[in-house]
């Protein structure tokens, strides 16, 4: 399950783990104009862990999810 909320300066997506036990903490994705932040509570330390990706890193991650093992570099079309 997931939710999508549009705030003033970001789109916030929350991913809820509905898989089999043990379940993981919710993942919060905040998409800003210049970056995407991903947060998840680490239950062992009771601290929120945060990763910030540039738009290019997010593009590369999305592409990598559908590619086989290897080294890749995305280039603009026509180059």
Protein backbone atom coordinates (compact mmCIF):
# COMPACT_ATOMS: atom_id res chain seq x y z
CA UNK A 1 0.00 0.00 0.00
CA UNK A 2 1.15 3.56 -0.56
CA UNK A 3 -0.13 7.10 -0.20
CA UNK A 4 0.59 10.21 -2.28
CA UNK A 5 0.25 13.72 -0.88
CA UNK A 6 1.01 17.01 -2.63
CA UNK A 7 2.49 19.61 -0.30
CA UNK A 8 3.58 23.19 -1.01
CA UNK A 9 7.11 22.35 -2.16
CA UNK A 10 7.12 18.56 -2.52
CA UNK A 11 5.21 15.44 -3.45
CA UNK A 12 5.31 12.96 -0.56
CA UNK A 13 4.90 9.22 -1.17
CA UNK A 14 4.71 6.83 1.79
CA UNK A 15 5.27 3.12 1.15
CA UNK A 16 3.74 0.75 3.71
CA UNK A 17 5.11 -2.81 3.96
CA UNK A 18 2.24 -5.26 3.65
CA UNK A 19 4.39 -8.32 2.97
CA UNK A 20 4.81 -11.31 5.20
CA UNK A 21 6.24 -10.88 8.70
CA UNK A 22 8.60 -9.49 9.77
CA UNK A 23 7.42 -6.19 8.32
CA UNK A 24 9.72 -3.23 7.69
CA UNK A 25 9.08 0.37 8.73
CA UNK A 26 7.29 2.71 6.32
CA UNK A 27 9.41 4.42 3.66
CA UNK A 28 8.79 8.11 3.00
CA UNK A 29 9.81 9.58 -0.38
CA UNK A 30 9.80 13.37 -0.75
CA UNK A 31 10.18 14.63 -4.33
CA UNK A 32 11.36 18.24 -4.52
CA UNK A 33 12.25 20.26 -7.61
CA UNK A 34 16.00 19.69 -7.18
CA UNK A 35 16.24 16.38 -5.28
CA UNK A 36 14.44 13.34 -3.91
CA UNK A 37 14.77 12.40 -0.23
CA UNK A 38 14.08 8.89 1.05
CA UNK A 39 13.54 8.30 4.79
CA UNK A 40 12.97 5.23 6.95
CA UNK A 41 12.99 4.72 10.70
CA UNK A 42 15.75 2.37 11.86
CA UNK A 43 13.98 0.48 14.65
CA UNK A 44 17.31 -0.72 16.09
CA UNK A 45 18.59 2.81 16.75
CA UNK A 46 15.23 4.64 16.82
CA UNK A 47 16.70 7.14 14.30
CA UNK A 48 15.37 8.19 10.92
CA UNK A 49 17.83 7.36 8.15
CA UNK A 50 17.76 9.78 5.18
CA UNK A 51 19.17 9.47 1.67
CA UNK A 52 19.09 12.39 -0.78
CA UNK A 53 19.32 11.72 -4.52
CA UNK A 54 19.77 14.17 -7.39
CA UNK A 55 17.25 13.93 -10.25
CA UNK A 56 19.97 12.23 -12.32
CA UNK A 57 20.65 9.62 -9.62
CA UNK A 58 16.92 8.89 -9.36
CA UNK A 59 16.71 8.50 -13.17
CA UNK A 60 19.66 6.09 -13.10
CA UNK A 61 18.13 4.08 -10.24
CA UNK A 62 14.82 3.75 -12.08
CA UNK A 63 16.63 2.57 -15.22
CA UNK A 64 18.81 0.13 -13.26
CA UNK A 65 15.80 -1.71 -11.85
CA UNK A 66 15.08 -3.15 -15.33
CA UNK A 67 18.62 -3.87 -16.54
CA UNK A 68 20.87 -6.92 -16.20
CA UNK A 69 24.20 -6.85 -14.36
CA UNK A 70 26.74 -4.49 -15.93
CA UNK A 71 28.03 -0.91 -16.13
CA UNK A 72 25.84 1.68 -17.83
CA UNK A 73 25.76 5.39 -18.63
CA UNK A 74 22.51 6.99 -19.72
CA UNK A 75 22.86 9.58 -22.48
CA UNK A 76 20.37 11.98 -24.05
CA UNK A 77 18.58 10.60 -27.12
CA UNK A 78 20.47 11.10 -30.37
CA UNK A 79 23.98 11.06 -28.87
